[in-house]
All heavy atoms as atom14 arrays in JSON, in Angstrom:
{
  "sequence": "MLRDTLSQILGERADAELARTIKKTVCSFPDVSGAYDLVLHNYGPD",
  "atom14_mask": [
    [1, 1, 1, 1, 1, 1, 1, 1, 0, 0, 0, 0, 0, 0],
    [1, 1, 1, 1, 1, 1, 1, 1, 0, 0, 0, 0, 0, 0],
    [1, 1, 1, 1, 1, 1, 1, 1, 1, 1, 1, 0, 0, 0],
    [1, 1, 1, 1, 1, 1, 1, 1, 0, 0, 0, 0, 0, 0],
    [1, 1, 1, 1, 1, 1, 1, 0, 0, 0, 0, 0, 0, 0],
    [1, 1, 1, 1, 1, 1, 1, 1, 0, 0, 0, 0, 0, 0],
    [1, 1, 1, 1, 1, 1, 0, 0, 0, 0, 0, 0, 0, 0],
    [1, 1, 1, 1, 1, 1, 1, 1, 1, 0, 0, 0, 0, 0],
    [1, 1, 1, 1, 1, 1, 1, 1, 0, 0, 0, 0, 0, 0],
    [1, 1, 1, 1, 1, 1, 1, 1, 0, 0, 0, 0, 0, 0],
    [1, 1, 1, 1, 0, 0, 0, 0, 0, 0, 0, 0, 0, 0],
    [1, 1, 1, 1, 1, 1, 1, 1, 1, 0, 0, 0, 0, 0],
    [1, 1, 1, 1, 1, 1, 1, 1, 1, 1, 1, 0, 0, 0],
    [1, 1, 1, 1, 1, 0, 0, 0, 0, 0, 0, 0, 0, 0],
    [1, 1, 1, 1, 1, 1, 1, 1, 0, 0, 0, 0, 0, 0],
    [1, 1, 1, 1, 1, 0, 0, 0, 0, 0, 0, 0, 0, 0],
    [1, 1, 1, 1, 1, 1, 1, 1, 1, 0, 0, 0, 0, 0],
    [1, 1, 1, 1, 1, 1, 1, 1, 0, 0, 0, 0, 0, 0],
    [1, 1, 1, 1, 1, 0, 0, 0, 0, 0, 0, 0, 0, 0],
    [1, 1, 1, 1, 1, 1, 1, 1, 1, 1, 1, 0, 0, 0],
    [1, 1, 1, 1, 1, 1, 1, 0, 0, 0, 0, 0, 0, 0],
    [1, 1, 1, 1, 1, 1, 1, 1, 0, 0, 0, 0, 0, 0],
    [1, 1, 1, 1, 1, 1, 1, 1, 1, 0, 0, 0, 0, 0],
    [1, 1, 1, 1, 1, 1, 1, 1, 1, 0, 0, 0, 0, 0],
    [1, 1, 1, 1, 1, 1, 1, 0, 0, 0, 0, 0, 0, 0],
    [1, 1, 1, 1, 1, 1, 1, 0, 0, 0, 0, 0, 0, 0],
    [1, 1, 1, 1, 1, 1, 0, 0, 0, 0, 0, 0, 0, 0],
    [1, 1, 1, 1, 1, 1, 0, 0, 0, 0, 0, 0, 0, 0],
    [1, 1, 1, 1, 1, 1, 1, 1, 1, 1, 1, 0, 0, 0],
    [1, 1, 1, 1, 1, 1, 1, 0, 0, 0, 0, 0, 0, 0],
    [1, 1, 1, 1, 1, 1, 1, 1, 0, 0, 0, 0, 0, 0],
    [1, 1, 1, 1, 1, 1, 1, 0, 0, 0, 0, 0, 0, 0],
    [1, 1, 1, 1, 1, 1, 0, 0, 0, 0, 0, 0, 0, 0],
    [1, 1, 1, 1, 0, 0, 0, 0, 0, 0, 0, 0, 0, 0],
    [1, 1, 1, 1, 1, 0, 0, 0, 0, 0, 0, 0, 0, 0],
    [1, 1, 1, 1, 1, 1, 1, 1, 1, 1, 1, 1, 0, 0],
    [1, 1, 1, 1, 1, 1, 1, 1, 0, 0, 0, 0, 0, 0],
    [1, 1, 1, 1, 1, 1, 1, 1, 0, 0, 0, 0, 0, 0],
    [1, 1, 1, 1, 1, 1, 1, 0, 0, 0, 0, 0, 0, 0],
    [1, 1, 1, 1, 1, 1, 1, 1, 0, 0, 0, 0, 0, 0],
    [1, 1, 1, 1, 1, 1, 1, 1, 1, 1, 0, 0, 0, 0],
    [1, 1, 1, 1, 1, 1, 1, 1, 0, 0, 0, 0, 0, 0],
    [1, 1, 1, 1, 1, 1, 1, 1, 1, 1, 1, 1, 0, 0],
    [1, 1, 1, 1, 0, 0, 0, 0, 0, 0, 0, 0, 0, 0],
    [1, 1, 1, 1, 1, 1, 1, 0, 0, 0, 0, 0, 0, 0],
    [1, 1, 1, 1, 1, 1, 1, 1, 0, 0, 0, 0, 0, 0]
  ],
  "atom14_positions": [
    [[49.79, -116.39, -103.08], [50.32, -115.05, -103.18], [49.58, -114.01, -102.28], [50.22, -113.21, -101.43], [50.43, -114.48, -104.59], [51.36, -115.19, -105.5], [51.11, -114.47, -107.14], [51.96, -115.58, -108.15], [0.0, 0.0, 0.0], [0.0, 0.0, 0.0], [0.0, 0.0, 0.0], [0.0, 0.0, 0.0], [0.0, 0.0, 0.0], [0.0, 0.0, 0.0]],
    [[48.26, -114.16, -102.45], [47.41, -113.28, -101.64], [47.56, -113.42, -100.07], [47.56, -112.59, -99.33], [45.89, -113.43, -102.07], [44.91, -112.52, -101.51], [45.22, -111.0, -101.96], [43.52, -112.84, -101.99], [0.0, 0.0, 0.0], [0.0, 0.0, 0.0], [0.0, 0.0, 0.0], [0.0, 0.0, 0.0], [0.0, 0.0, 0.0], [0.0, 0.0, 0.0]],
    [[47.5, -114.78, -99.77], [47.74, -115.1, -98.33], [49.09, -114.56, -97.76], [49.1, -113.97, -96.72], [47.71, -116.59, -98.15], [47.8, -117.14, -96.71], [48.08, -118.67, -96.73], [49.36, -118.91, -97.42], [49.69, -120.07, -97.93], [48.92, -121.16, -97.87], [50.88, -120.21, -98.54], [0.0, 0.0, 0.0], [0.0, 0.0, 0.0], [0.0, 0.0, 0.0]],
    [[50.19, -114.66, -98.45], [51.46, -114.32, -98.05], [51.45, -112.82, -97.89], [52.11, -112.22, -96.88], [52.52, -114.74, -98.91], [52.74, -116.24, -98.94], [52.18, -116.92, -97.97], [53.35, -116.84, -99.87], [0.0, 0.0, 0.0], [0.0, 0.0, 0.0], [0.0, 0.0, 0.0], [0.0, 0.0, 0.0], [0.0, 0.0, 0.0], [0.0, 0.0, 0.0]],
    [[50.92, -112.11, -98.87], [50.9, -110.62, -98.78], [50.07, -110.15, -97.7], [50.41, -109.14, -96.88], [50.39, -110.07, -100.14], [51.17, -110.59, -101.33], [50.53, -108.58, -100.23], [0.0, 0.0, 0.0], [0.0, 0.0, 0.0], [0.0, 0.0, 0.0], [0.0, 0.0, 0.0], [0.0, 0.0, 0.0], [0.0, 0.0, 0.0], [0.0, 0.0, 0.0]],
    [[48.9, -110.69, -97.41], [48.07, -110.23, -96.3], [48.79, -110.5, -94.97], [48.55, -109.69, -94.04], [46.74, -111.0, -96.36], [45.74, -110.59, -97.53], [44.45, -111.44, -97.5], [45.28, -109.13, -97.28], [0.0, 0.0, 0.0], [0.0, 0.0, 0.0], [0.0, 0.0, 0.0], [0.0, 0.0, 0.0], [0.0, 0.0, 0.0], [0.0, 0.0, 0.0]],
    [[49.41, -111.57, -94.84], [50.21, -111.91, -93.74], [51.19, -110.81, -93.46], [51.37, -110.33, -92.21], [50.96, -113.26, -93.78], [51.62, -113.61, -92.66], [0.0, 0.0, 0.0], [0.0, 0.0, 0.0], [0.0, 0.0, 0.0], [0.0, 0.0, 0.0], [0.0, 0.0, 0.0], [0.0, 0.0, 0.0], [0.0, 0.0, 0.0], [0.0, 0.0, 0.0]],
    [[51.93, -110.26, -94.5], [52.89, -109.27, -94.23], [52.2, -107.87, -93.95], [52.87, -107.14, -93.07], [53.76, -108.98, -95.51], [54.67, -110.18, -95.85], [55.27, -110.05, -97.24], [54.68, -109.52, -98.19], [56.59, -110.42, -97.33], [0.0, 0.0, 0.0], [0.0, 0.0, 0.0], [0.0, 0.0, 0.0], [0.0, 0.0, 0.0], [0.0, 0.0, 0.0]],
    [[51.0, -107.62, -94.45], [50.36, -106.47, -94.04], [50.01, -106.42, -92.65], [49.95, -105.44, -91.91], [49.19, -106.17, -94.96], [49.64, -105.94, -96.44], [48.24, -105.03, -94.5], [48.43, -105.91, -97.47], [0.0, 0.0, 0.0], [0.0, 0.0, 0.0], [0.0, 0.0, 0.0], [0.0, 0.0, 0.0], [0.0, 0.0, 0.0], [0.0, 0.0, 0.0]],
    [[49.46, -107.54, -92.19], [49.05, -107.75, -90.75], [50.29, -107.6, -89.77], [50.15, -107.11, -88.67], [48.4, -109.14, -90.52], [47.06, -109.23, -91.11], [46.58, -110.76, -90.99], [45.99, -108.34, -90.37], [0.0, 0.0, 0.0], [0.0, 0.0, 0.0], [0.0, 0.0, 0.0], [0.0, 0.0, 0.0], [0.0, 0.0, 0.0], [0.0, 0.0, 0.0]],
    [[51.41, -108.09, -90.24], [52.67, -107.88, -89.55], [53.16, -109.24, -89.06], [52.56, -109.85, -88.25], [0.0, 0.0, 0.0], [0.0, 0.0, 0.0], [0.0, 0.0, 0.0], [0.0, 0.0, 0.0], [0.0, 0.0, 0.0], [0.0, 0.0, 0.0], [0.0, 0.0, 0.0], [0.0, 0.0, 0.0], [0.0, 0.0, 0.0], [0.0, 0.0, 0.0]],
    [[54.27, -109.54, -89.6], [54.96, -110.8, -89.26], [56.25, -110.82, -88.31], [56.64, -109.56, -88.21], [55.36, -111.55, -90.54], [54.37, -111.85, -91.56], [54.83, -112.6, -92.78], [55.98, -112.32, -93.21], [54.08, -113.37, -93.38], [0.0, 0.0, 0.0], [0.0, 0.0, 0.0], [0.0, 0.0, 0.0], [0.0, 0.0, 0.0], [0.0, 0.0, 0.0]],
    [[56.4, -111.79, -87.68], [57.65, -111.76, -86.86], [58.87, -111.58, -87.76], [58.91, -112.03, -88.86], [57.82, -113.18, -86.22], [59.08, -113.37, -85.26], [59.24, -114.68, -84.77], [58.13, -115.2, -84.09], [58.17, -114.93, -82.85], [59.11, -114.42, -82.07], [57.04, -115.44, -81.99], [0.0, 0.0, 0.0], [0.0, 0.0, 0.0], [0.0, 0.0, 0.0]],
    [[59.85, -110.76, -87.23], [60.94, -110.35, -87.91], [61.81, -111.66, -88.3], [61.78, -112.7, -87.47], [61.83, -109.45, -87.26], [0.0, 0.0, 0.0], [0.0, 0.0, 0.0], [0.0, 0.0, 0.0], [0.0, 0.0, 0.0], [0.0, 0.0, 0.0], [0.0, 0.0, 0.0], [0.0, 0.0, 0.0], [0.0, 0.0, 0.0], [0.0, 0.0, 0.0]],
    [[62.48, -111.72, -89.36], [63.48, -112.87, -89.76], [64.28, -113.19, -88.5], [65.09, -112.32, -88.06], [64.12, -112.57, -90.9], [65.06, -113.71, -91.4], [64.59, -114.77, -91.67], [66.22, -113.43, -91.26], [0.0, 0.0, 0.0], [0.0, 0.0, 0.0], [0.0, 0.0, 0.0], [0.0, 0.0, 0.0], [0.0, 0.0, 0.0], [0.0, 0.0, 0.0]],
    [[64.29, -114.43, -88.06], [65.15, -114.95, -87.0], [66.64, -114.68, -87.23], [67.34, -114.25, -86.28], [64.8, -116.37, -86.6], [0.0, 0.0, 0.0], [0.0, 0.0, 0.0], [0.0, 0.0, 0.0], [0.0, 0.0, 0.0], [0.0, 0.0, 0.0], [0.0, 0.0, 0.0], [0.0, 0.0, 0.0], [0.0, 0.0, 0.0], [0.0, 0.0, 0.0]],
    [[67.07, -114.9, -88.44], [68.41, -114.68, -88.67], [68.87, -113.23, -88.58], [69.82, -112.88, -88.15], [68.71, -115.27, -90.09], [70.31, -115.18, -90.51], [71.22, -115.9, -89.66], [70.71, -116.83, -88.87], [72.31, -115.55, -89.36], [0.0, 0.0, 0.0], [0.0, 0.0, 0.0], [0.0, 0.0, 0.0], [0.0, 0.0, 0.0], [0.0, 0.0, 0.0]],
    [[68.02, -112.43, -89.13], [68.22, -110.91, -89.04], [68.34, -110.48, -87.49], [69.2, -109.74, -87.17], [67.17, -110.18, -89.72], [67.18, -108.55, -89.6], [68.5, -108.01, -90.27], [66.03, -107.93, -90.23], [0.0, 0.0, 0.0], [0.0, 0.0, 0.0], [0.0, 0.0, 0.0], [0.0, 0.0, 0.0], [0.0, 0.0, 0.0], [0.0, 0.0, 0.0]],
    [[67.38, -111.01, -86.82], [67.43, -110.61, -85.33], [68.68, -111.07, -84.68], [69.26, -110.34, -83.87], [66.18, -111.16, -84.63], [0.0, 0.0, 0.0], [0.0, 0.0, 0.0], [0.0, 0.0, 0.0], [0.0, 0.0, 0.0], [0.0, 0.0, 0.0], [0.0, 0.0, 0.0], [0.0, 0.0, 0.0], [0.0, 0.0, 0.0], [0.0, 0.0, 0.0]],
    [[69.03, -112.3, -84.95], [70.28, -112.79, -84.23], [71.55, -112.02, -84.66], [72.45, -111.67, -83.9], [70.54, -114.31, -84.69], [69.68, -115.24, -83.85], [70.09, -116.67, -84.08], [69.75, -117.23, -85.45], [68.67, -117.83, -85.77], [67.73, -117.96, -84.9], [68.49, -118.15, -87.06], [0.0, 0.0, 0.0], [0.0, 0.0, 0.0], [0.0, 0.0, 0.0]],
    [[71.58, -111.67, -85.95], [72.84, -110.94, -86.39], [72.87, -109.45, -85.9], [73.93, -109.03, -85.56], [72.9, -110.86, -87.99], [71.66, -110.26, -88.56], [73.12, -112.25, -88.63], [0.0, 0.0, 0.0], [0.0, 0.0, 0.0], [0.0, 0.0, 0.0], [0.0, 0.0, 0.0], [0.0, 0.0, 0.0], [0.0, 0.0, 0.0], [0.0, 0.0, 0.0]],
    [[71.68, -108.94, -85.65], [71.59, -107.56, -85.03], [72.15, -107.59, -83.66], [72.94, -106.82, -83.2], [70.19, -106.93, -85.14], [69.8, -106.67, -86.6], [70.02, -105.8, -84.35], [68.37, -106.11, -86.76], [0.0, 0.0, 0.0], [0.0, 0.0, 0.0], [0.0, 0.0, 0.0], [0.0, 0.0, 0.0], [0.0, 0.0, 0.0], [0.0, 0.0, 0.0]],
    [[71.57, -108.65, -82.87], [71.96, -108.72, -81.53], [73.48, -109.01, -81.43], [74.1, -108.6, -80.49], [71.14, -109.99, -80.91], [69.72, -109.62, -80.53], [69.01, -110.66, -79.89], [67.44, -110.4, -79.71], [66.72, -111.51, -78.97], [0.0, 0.0, 0.0], [0.0, 0.0, 0.0], [0.0, 0.0, 0.0], [0.0, 0.0, 0.0], [0.0, 0.0, 0.0]],
    [[74.05, -109.84, -82.4], [75.45, -110.14, -82.28], [76.27, -108.85, -82.51], [77.25, -108.61, -81.94], [75.79, -111.12, -83.4], [77.22, -111.6, -83.53], [77.47, -112.64, -84.63], [78.89, -113.16, -84.68], [79.14, -114.06, -85.56], [0.0, 0.0, 0.0], [0.0, 0.0, 0.0], [0.0, 0.0, 0.0], [0.0, 0.0, 0.0], [0.0, 0.0, 0.0]],
    [[75.77, -107.93, -83.45], [76.41, -106.7, -83.67], [76.39, -105.81, -82.44], [77.31, -105.31, -82.07], [75.82, -105.97, -84.77], [75.9, -106.76, -86.13], [76.39, -104.63, -85.15], [0.0, 0.0, 0.0], [0.0, 0.0, 0.0], [0.0, 0.0, 0.0], [0.0, 0.0, 0.0], [0.0, 0.0, 0.0], [0.0, 0.0, 0.0], [0.0, 0.0, 0.0]],
    [[75.3, -105.82, -81.78], [75.06, -105.0, -80.6], [76.01, -105.57, -79.5], [76.7, -104.69, -78.87], [73.68, -105.01, -80.06], [73.62, -104.42, -78.74], [72.62, -104.35, -81.14], [0.0, 0.0, 0.0], [0.0, 0.0, 0.0], [0.0, 0.0, 0.0], [0.0, 0.0, 0.0], [0.0, 0.0, 0.0], [0.0, 0.0, 0.0], [0.0, 0.0, 0.0]],
    [[76.18, -106.73, -79.4], [77.01, -107.4, -78.35], [78.46, -107.37, -78.7], [79.25, -107.75, -77.81], [76.56, -108.71, -78.1], [74.89, -108.87, -77.27], [0.0, 0.0, 0.0], [0.0, 0.0, 0.0], [0.0, 0.0, 0.0], [0.0, 0.0, 0.0], [0.0, 0.0, 0.0], [0.0, 0.0, 0.0], [0.0, 0.0, 0.0], [0.0, 0.0, 0.0]],
    [[78.74, -106.93, -79.9], [80.24, -106.78, -80.34], [80.94, -105.74, -79.66], [82.22, -105.73, -79.54], [80.34, -106.58, -81.81], [79.87, -105.43, -82.16], [0.0, 0.0, 0.0], [0.0, 0.0, 0.0], [0.0, 0.0, 0.0], [0.0, 0.0, 0.0], [0.0, 0.0, 0.0], [0.0, 0.0, 0.0], [0.0, 0.0, 0.0], [0.0, 0.0, 0.0]],
    [[80.3, -104.74, -78.94], [80.88, -103.77, -78.2], [81.3, -104.22, -76.9], [80.57, -104.99, -76.21], [79.81, -102.61, -78.02], [79.52, -101.8, -79.3], [78.67, -102.23, -80.25], [80.27, -100.7, -79.58], [78.35, -101.54, -81.49], [80.0, -99.93, -80.69], [79.13, -100.49, -81.7], [0.0, 0.0, 0.0], [0.0, 0.0, 0.0], [0.0, 0.0, 0.0]],
    [[82.53, -103.98, -76.5], [83.13, -104.58, -75.32], [82.34, -104.64, -73.92], [82.27, -105.67, -73.32], [84.47, -103.87, -75.22], [84.68, -103.35, -76.5], [83.36, -102.94, -77.06], [0.0, 0.0, 0.0], [0.0, 0.0, 0.0], [0.0, 0.0, 0.0], [0.0, 0.0, 0.0], [0.0, 0.0, 0.0], [0.0, 0.0, 0.0], [0.0, 0.0, 0.0]],
    [[81.6, -103.54, -73.68], [80.95, -103.43, -72.53], [79.44, -103.78, -72.46], [78.74, -103.66, -71.47], [81.0, -101.98, -71.88], [82.36, -101.65, -71.39], [83.14, -102.65, -71.02], [82.82, -100.47, -71.63], [0.0, 0.0, 0.0], [0.0, 0.0, 0.0], [0.0, 0.0, 0.0], [0.0, 0.0, 0.0], [0.0, 0.0, 0.0], [0.0, 0.0, 0.0]],
    [[79.0, -104.25, -73.69], [77.62, -104.73, -73.75], [77.6, -106.25, -73.54], [78.07, -107.01, -74.23], [77.04, -104.51, -75.13], [75.63, -105.04, -75.29], [77.09, -102.85, -75.31], [0.0, 0.0, 0.0], [0.0, 0.0, 0.0], [0.0, 0.0, 0.0], [0.0, 0.0, 0.0], [0.0, 0.0, 0.0], [0.0, 0.0, 0.0], [0.0, 0.0, 0.0]],
    [[77.02, -106.68, -72.49], [77.03, -108.09, -71.95], [75.78, -108.9, -72.44], [75.65, -110.04, -72.35], [77.05, -108.18, -70.54], [76.05, -107.6, -69.89], [0.0, 0.0, 0.0], [0.0, 0.0, 0.0], [0.0, 0.0, 0.0], [0.0, 0.0, 0.0], [0.0, 0.0, 0.0], [0.0, 0.0, 0.0], [0.0, 0.0, 0.0], [0.0, 0.0, 0.0]],
    [[74.86, -108.06, -73.07], [73.65, -108.79, -73.6], [72.7, -107.88, -74.41], [72.79, -106.63, -74.02], [0.0, 0.0, 0.0], [0.0, 0.0, 0.0], [0.0, 0.0, 0.0], [0.0, 0.0, 0.0], [0.0, 0.0, 0.0], [0.0, 0.0, 0.0], [0.0, 0.0, 0.0], [0.0, 0.0, 0.0], [0.0, 0.0, 0.0], [0.0, 0.0, 0.0]],
    [[72.05, -108.32, -75.28], [70.99, -107.61, -76.11], [69.76, -108.3, -76.01], [69.64, -109.53, -76.38], [71.59, -107.35, -77.57], [0.0, 0.0, 0.0], [0.0, 0.0, 0.0], [0.0, 0.0, 0.0], [0.0, 0.0, 0.0], [0.0, 0.0, 0.0], [0.0, 0.0, 0.0], [0.0, 0.0, 0.0], [0.0, 0.0, 0.0], [0.0, 0.0, 0.0]],
    [[68.66, -107.74, -75.59], [67.4, -108.25, -75.39], [66.24, -107.33, -75.91], [66.47, -106.19, -76.25], [67.17, -108.51, -74.01], [68.26, -109.25, -73.34], [69.32, -108.54, -72.6], [68.6, -110.67, -73.38], [70.36, -109.23, -71.93], [69.53, -111.25, -72.84], [70.48, -110.53, -72.13], [71.58, -111.27, -71.62], [0.0, 0.0, 0.0], [0.0, 0.0, 0.0]],
    [[65.05, -108.01, -75.92], [63.71, -107.29, -76.21], [63.82, -106.51, -77.63], [63.28, -105.48, -77.75], [63.48, -106.16, -75.1], [63.43, -106.79, -73.77], [62.97, -107.99, -73.58], [63.83, -106.09, -72.8], [0.0, 0.0, 0.0], [0.0, 0.0, 0.0], [0.0, 0.0, 0.0], [0.0, 0.0, 0.0], [0.0, 0.0, 0.0], [0.0, 0.0, 0.0]],
    [[64.48, -107.2, -78.52], [64.6, -106.55, -79.89], [63.3, -106.47, -80.58], [62.57, -107.56, -80.58], [65.64, -107.29, -80.75], [65.64, -106.8, -82.27], [66.29, -105.35, -82.26], [66.63, -107.76, -82.93], [0.0, 0.0, 0.0], [0.0, 0.0, 0.0], [0.0, 0.0, 0.0], [0.0, 0.0, 0.0], [0.0, 0.0, 0.0], [0.0, 0.0, 0.0]],
    [[62.76, -105.35, -80.95], [61.48, -105.22, -81.6], [61.79, -104.41, -82.93], [62.42, -103.47, -82.98], [60.48, -104.41, -80.82], [59.16, -104.25, -81.6], [60.13, -105.05, -79.51], [0.0, 0.0, 0.0], [0.0, 0.0, 0.0], [0.0, 0.0, 0.0], [0.0, 0.0, 0.0], [0.0, 0.0, 0.0], [0.0, 0.0, 0.0], [0.0, 0.0, 0.0]],
    [[61.34, -105.21, -84.05], [61.54, -104.55, -85.4], [60.13, -104.28, -86.04], [59.42, -105.14, -86.11], [62.29, -105.57, -86.27], [63.73, -105.84, -85.84], [64.28, -106.97, -86.66], [64.55, -104.55, -85.76], [0.0, 0.0, 0.0], [0.0, 0.0, 0.0], [0.0, 0.0, 0.0], [0.0, 0.0, 0.0], [0.0, 0.0, 0.0], [0.0, 0.0, 0.0]],
    [[59.96, -103.02, -86.33], [58.79, -102.63, -87.07], [58.98, -102.45, -88.53], [59.79, -101.65, -88.97], [58.25, -101.22, -86.59], [58.0, -101.34, -84.99], [56.78, -101.86, -84.49], [58.59, -100.88, -84.01], [56.8, -101.93, -83.21], [57.94, -101.22, -82.92], [0.0, 0.0, 0.0], [0.0, 0.0, 0.0], [0.0, 0.0, 0.0], [0.0, 0.0, 0.0]],
    [[58.27, -103.11, -89.44], [58.56, -103.14, -90.79], [57.58, -102.05, -91.53], [56.44, -102.08, -91.25], [58.15, -104.46, -91.42], [58.33, -104.67, -92.89], [57.3, -104.44, -93.63], [59.51, -104.86, -93.35], [0.0, 0.0, 0.0], [0.0, 0.0, 0.0], [0.0, 0.0, 0.0], [0.0, 0.0, 0.0], [0.0, 0.0, 0.0], [0.0, 0.0, 0.0]],
    [[58.23, -101.15, -92.24], [57.53, -100.14, -92.95], [57.61, -100.25, -94.42], [57.77, -99.2, -95.21], [57.93, -98.78, -92.52], [57.51, -98.45, -90.98], [58.42, -98.72, -89.89], [56.21, -98.14, -90.7], [57.98, -98.58, -88.63], [55.85, -97.92, -89.24], [56.77, -98.15, -88.28], [56.29, -97.94, -86.97], [0.0, 0.0, 0.0], [0.0, 0.0, 0.0]],
    [[57.86, -101.45, -94.89], [58.12, -101.74, -96.37], [59.29, -102.74, -96.43], [59.99, -102.93, -95.54], [0.0, 0.0, 0.0], [0.0, 0.0, 0.0], [0.0, 0.0, 0.0], [0.0, 0.0, 0.0], [0.0, 0.0, 0.0], [0.0, 0.0, 0.0], [0.0, 0.0, 0.0], [0.0, 0.0, 0.0], [0.0, 0.0, 0.0], [0.0, 0.0, 0.0]],
    [[59.44, -103.18, -97.59], [60.62, -104.2, -97.77], [61.97, -103.52, -97.43], [62.16, -102.45, -97.92], [60.47, -104.51, -99.3], [59.07, -104.27, -99.68], [58.6, -103.08, -98.89], [0.0, 0.0, 0.0], [0.0, 0.0, 0.0], [0.0, 0.0, 0.0], [0.0, 0.0, 0.0], [0.0, 0.0, 0.0], [0.0, 0.0, 0.0], [0.0, 0.0, 0.0]],
    [[62.64, -104.22, -96.59], [64.02, -103.78, -96.18], [63.98, -102.47, -95.54], [64.95, -101.74, -95.49], [64.85, -103.73, -97.48], [65.27, -105.06, -98.02], [65.25, -105.94, -97.27], [65.46, -105.07, -99.2], [0.0, 0.0, 0.0], [0.0, 0.0, 0.0], [0.0, 0.0, 0.0], [0.0, 0.0, 0.0], [0.0, 0.0, 0.0], [0.0, 0.0, 0.0]]
  ]
}
């Protein structure tokens, strides 16, 4: 528990599935041909 929590405080990579779905949403707009360089900063759960 302590290890997992410390890892979150240090900052973990964003959930891959969340990143993919966000990019899919961005690319759903007709004139957007690609979504890149997504950076997510976590400031607490969700």
